[in-house]
Amino acid sequence: MCLAIPGRIISIEGYKEGYMRMGRVELGGIVKEINLQLVPDAKENDYVLVHVGVAISIVDEEEAKSSLEFLKQMNELDELYNSQTKETSENSDSHGERMTKEERVKLSDAIISNMIT
């Protein structure tokens, strides 16, 4: 699944790699160098959505934290943390047990319902 992950810009390093605006972004505790070319108005401490190493939009802090919590609950950040095998991260619950697609859908529905109420 392709996801955009929210992160906080901790520093902007200027232009690198063929005149691209780059910055260091904290993504759920992991710091990565991210291309900021598509968000020219972004500044340090702003939250951005990052997709395949590129910040694609600026978001508010509350939305970023809510999205990050949702992704953590759905075990969709395992690849970022590189803490589990691909098979486990794609199909496991928080206890490492395999989940069916139906169980994942029910879990995501419950998490979204909880977030909006």
C-alpha atoms as a PDB file:
ATOM      1  CA  MET A   1       0.000   0.000   0.000  1.00  0.00           C
ATOM      2  CA  CYS A   2       1.289   3.478  -0.822  1.00  0.00           C
ATOM      3  CA  LEU A   3       1.023   5.874   2.076  1.00  0.00           C
ATOM      4  CA  ALA A   4       1.932   9.448   2.861  1.00  0.00           C
ATOM      5  CA  ILE A   5       3.359   9.616   6.364  1.00  0.00           C
ATOM      6  CA  PRO A   6       3.160  12.784   8.481  1.00  0.00           C
ATOM      7  CA  GLY A   7       6.373  14.208   9.891  1.00  0.00           C
ATOM      8  CA  ARG A   8       7.796  17.364  11.468  1.00  0.00           C
ATOM      9  CA  ILE A   9      10.507  19.338   9.706  1.00  0.00           C
ATOM     10  CA  ILE A  10      13.416  19.628  12.124  1.00  0.00           C
ATOM     11  CA  SER A  11      15.808  21.448   9.784  1.00  0.00           C
ATOM     12  CA  ILE A  12      15.940  22.793   6.260  1.00  0.00           C
ATOM     13  CA  GLU A  13      19.265  22.247   4.582  1.00  0.00           C
ATOM     14  CA  GLY A  14      18.781  24.375   1.497  1.00  0.00           C
ATOM     15  CA  TYR A  15      19.292  23.209  -2.034  1.00  0.00           C
ATOM     16  CA  LYS A  16      21.001  19.914  -2.806  1.00  0.00           C
ATOM     17  CA  GLU A  17      21.119  17.254  -5.457  1.00  0.00           C
ATOM     18  CA  GLY A  18      20.385  19.228  -8.601  1.00  0.00           C
ATOM     19  CA  TYR A  19      18.931  22.300  -6.899  1.00  0.00           C
ATOM     20  CA  MET A  20      16.319  20.524  -4.801  1.00  0.00           C
ATOM     21  CA  ARG A  21      15.258  21.992  -1.455  1.00  0.00           C
ATOM     22  CA  MET A  22      15.994  19.341   1.175  1.00  0.00           C
ATOM     23  CA  GLY A  23      15.287  19.012   4.879  1.00  0.00           C
ATOM     24  CA  ARG A  24      15.486  16.618   7.791  1.00  0.00           C
ATOM     25  CA  VAL A  25      12.040  15.378   8.820  1.00  0.00           C
ATOM     26  CA  GLU A  26      11.145  13.376  11.945  1.00  0.00           C
ATOM     27  CA  LEU A  27       8.703  10.603  11.029  1.00  0.00           C
ATOM     28  CA  GLY A  28       7.430   8.891  14.160  1.00  0.00           C
ATOM     29  CA  GLY A  29      10.841   8.980  15.848  1.00  0.00           C
ATOM     30  CA  ILE A  30      12.901   8.296  12.703  1.00  0.00           C
ATOM     31  CA  VAL A  31      14.754  11.205  11.040  1.00  0.00           C
ATOM     32  CA  LYS A  32      15.126  11.099   7.259  1.00  0.00           C
ATOM     33  CA  GLU A  33      16.342  13.508   4.615  1.00  0.00           C
ATOM     34  CA  ILE A  34      13.279  14.555   2.599  1.00  0.00           C
ATOM     35  CA  ASN A  35      12.813  16.554  -0.605  1.00  0.00           C
ATOM     36  CA  LEU A  36      10.870  19.758   0.222  1.00  0.00           C
ATOM     37  CA  GLN A  37      10.644  21.084  -3.344  1.00  0.00           C
ATOM     38  CA  LEU A  38       6.830  20.672  -3.541  1.00  0.00           C
ATOM     39  CA  VAL A  39       6.226  22.606  -0.298  1.00  0.00           C
ATOM     40  CA  PRO A  40       8.134  25.881  -0.809  1.00  0.00           C
ATOM     41  CA  ASP A  41       6.300  27.617   2.057  1.00  0.00           C
ATOM     42  CA  ALA A  42       7.220  24.912   4.603  1.00  0.00           C
ATOM     43  CA  LYS A  43       9.465  25.980   7.454  1.00  0.00           C
ATOM     44  CA  GLU A  44      11.093  24.343  10.458  1.00  0.00           C
ATOM     45  CA  ASN A  45       8.585  22.767  12.883  1.00  0.00           C
ATOM     46  CA  ASP A  46       5.873  22.583  10.200  1.00  0.00           C
ATOM     47  CA  TYR A  47       4.234  19.192   9.680  1.00  0.00           C
ATOM     48  CA  VAL A  48       4.243  17.720   6.184  1.00  0.00           C
ATOM     49  CA  LEU A  49       2.929  14.582   4.505  1.00  0.00           C
ATOM     50  CA  VAL A  50       5.821  12.555   3.049  1.00  0.00           C
ATOM     51  CA  HIS A  51       5.414  10.092   0.194  1.00  0.00           C
ATOM     52  CA  VAL A  52       8.436   8.167  -1.166  1.00  0.00           C
ATOM     53  CA  GLY A  53      10.891  10.705   0.232  1.00  0.00           C
ATOM     54  CA  VAL A  54       9.053  13.825  -0.972  1.00  0.00           C
ATOM     55  CA  ALA A  55       6.975  16.183   1.172  1.00  0.00           C
ATOM     56  CA  ILE A  56       3.733  16.616  -0.767  1.00  0.00           C
ATOM     57  CA  SER A  57       1.729  18.978   1.458  1.00  0.00           C
ATOM     58  CA  ILE A  58       1.758  20.920   4.706  1.00  0.00           C
ATOM     59  CA  VAL A  59      -0.668  19.722   7.406  1.00  0.00           C
ATOM     60  CA  ASP A  60      -1.555  21.004  10.855  1.00  0.00           C
ATOM     61  CA  GLU A  61      -0.067  19.388  13.951  1.00  0.00           C
ATOM     62  CA  GLU A  62      -3.324  17.824  15.138  1.00  0.00           C
ATOM     63  CA  GLU A  63      -3.990  16.168  11.777  1.00  0.00           C
ATOM     64  CA  ALA A  64      -0.394  14.917  11.609  1.00  0.00           C
ATOM     65  CA  LYS A  65      -0.485  13.379  15.082  1.00  0.00           C
ATOM     66  CA  SER A  66      -3.901  11.818  14.474  1.00  0.00           C
ATOM     67  CA  SER A  67      -2.737  10.276  11.176  1.00  0.00           C
ATOM     68  CA  LEU A  68       0.480   8.987  12.718  1.00  0.00           C
ATOM     69  CA  GLU A  69      -1.440   7.366  15.574  1.00  0.00           C
ATOM     70  CA  PHE A  70      -3.795   5.721  13.079  1.00  0.00           C
ATOM     71  CA  LEU A  71      -0.865   4.350  11.073  1.00  0.00           C
ATOM     72  CA  LYS A  72       0.770   3.010  14.229  1.00  0.00           C
ATOM     73  CA  GLN A  73      -2.433   1.245  15.272  1.00  0.00           C
ATOM     74  CA  MET A  74      -2.730  -0.333  11.816  1.00  0.00           C
ATOM     75  CA  ASN A  75       0.900  -1.531  11.913  1.00  0.00           C
ATOM     76  CA  GLU A  76       1.600   0.416   8.719  1.00  0.00           C
ATOM     77  CA  LEU A  77       4.843   1.953  10.032  1.00  0.00           C
ATOM     78  CA  ASP A  78       6.733  -1.320  10.428  1.00  0.00           C
ATOM     79  CA  GLU A  79       8.593  -0.849   7.156  1.00  0.00           C
ATOM     80  CA  LEU A  80       9.670   2.630   8.251  1.00  0.00           C
ATOM     81  CA  TYR A  81      10.961   1.263  11.543  1.00  0.00           C
ATOM     82  CA  ASN A  82      12.314  -1.852   9.792  1.00  0.00           C
ATOM     83  CA  SER A  83      11.497  -3.812  12.935  1.00  0.00           C
ATOM     84  CA  GLN A  84       9.572  -6.750  11.480  1.00  0.00           C
ATOM     85  CA  THR A  85       9.659  -8.853   8.359  1.00  0.00           C
ATOM     86  CA  LYS A  86       7.519  -7.713   5.452  1.00  0.00           C
ATOM     87  CA  GLU A  87       5.147 -10.653   5.848  1.00  0.00           C
ATOM     88  CA  THR A  88       4.569  -9.946   9.537  1.00  0.00           C
ATOM     89  CA  SER A  89       4.117  -6.205   9.090  1.00  0.00           C
ATOM     90  CA  GLU A  90       1.565  -6.624   6.307  1.00  0.00           C
ATOM     91  CA  ASN A  91      -0.643  -9.174   8.018  1.00  0.00           C
ATOM     92  CA  SER A  92      -0.164  -9.026  11.777  1.00  0.00           C
ATOM     93  CA  ASP A  93      -1.922  -7.398  14.680  1.00  0.00           C
ATOM     94  CA  SER A  94      -0.124  -5.735  17.600  1.00  0.00           C
ATOM     95  CA  HIS A  95       0.596  -9.180  19.103  1.00  0.00           C
ATOM     96  CA  GLY A  96       2.289 -10.504  15.959  1.00  0.00           C
ATOM     97  CA  GLU A  97      -0.631 -12.797  15.066  1.00  0.00           C
ATOM     98  CA  ARG A  98      -1.753 -12.977  11.458  1.00  0.00           C
ATOM     99  CA  MET A  99      -4.921 -11.066  10.617  1.00  0.00           C
ATOM    100  CA  THR A 100      -7.351 -11.744   7.799  1.00  0.00           C
ATOM    101  CA  LYS A 101      -8.295  -8.961   5.415  1.00  0.00           C
ATOM    102  CA  GLU A 102     -11.740  -8.854   7.022  1.00  0.00           C
ATOM    103  CA  GLU A 103     -10.185  -8.432  10.488  1.00  0.00           C
ATOM    104  CA  ARG A 104      -7.947  -5.607   9.201  1.00  0.00           C
ATOM    105  CA  VAL A 105     -10.956  -3.826   7.668  1.00  0.00           C
ATOM    106  CA  LYS A 106     -12.948  -4.158  10.903  1.00  0.00           C
ATOM    107  CA  LEU A 107      -9.997  -2.880  12.922  1.00  0.00           C
ATOM    108  CA  SER A 108      -9.469   0.114  10.640  1.00  0.00           C
ATOM    109  CA  ASP A 109     -13.207   0.922  10.738  1.00  0.00           C
ATOM    110  CA  ALA A 110     -13.148   0.811  14.545  1.00  0.00           C
ATOM    111  CA  ILE A 111     -10.055   3.022  14.743  1.00  0.00           C
ATOM    112  CA  ILE A 112     -11.512   5.594  12.321  1.00  0.00           C
ATOM    113  CA  SER A 113     -14.849   5.565  14.161  1.00  0.00           C
ATOM    114  CA  ASN A 114     -13.028   6.125  17.457  1.00  0.00           C
ATOM    115  CA  MET A 115     -11.018   9.006  15.951  1.00  0.00           C
ATOM    116  CA  ILE A 116     -14.069  10.893  14.689  1.00  0.00           C
ATOM    117  CA  THR A 117     -16.240  10.505  17.797  1.00  0.00           C
END
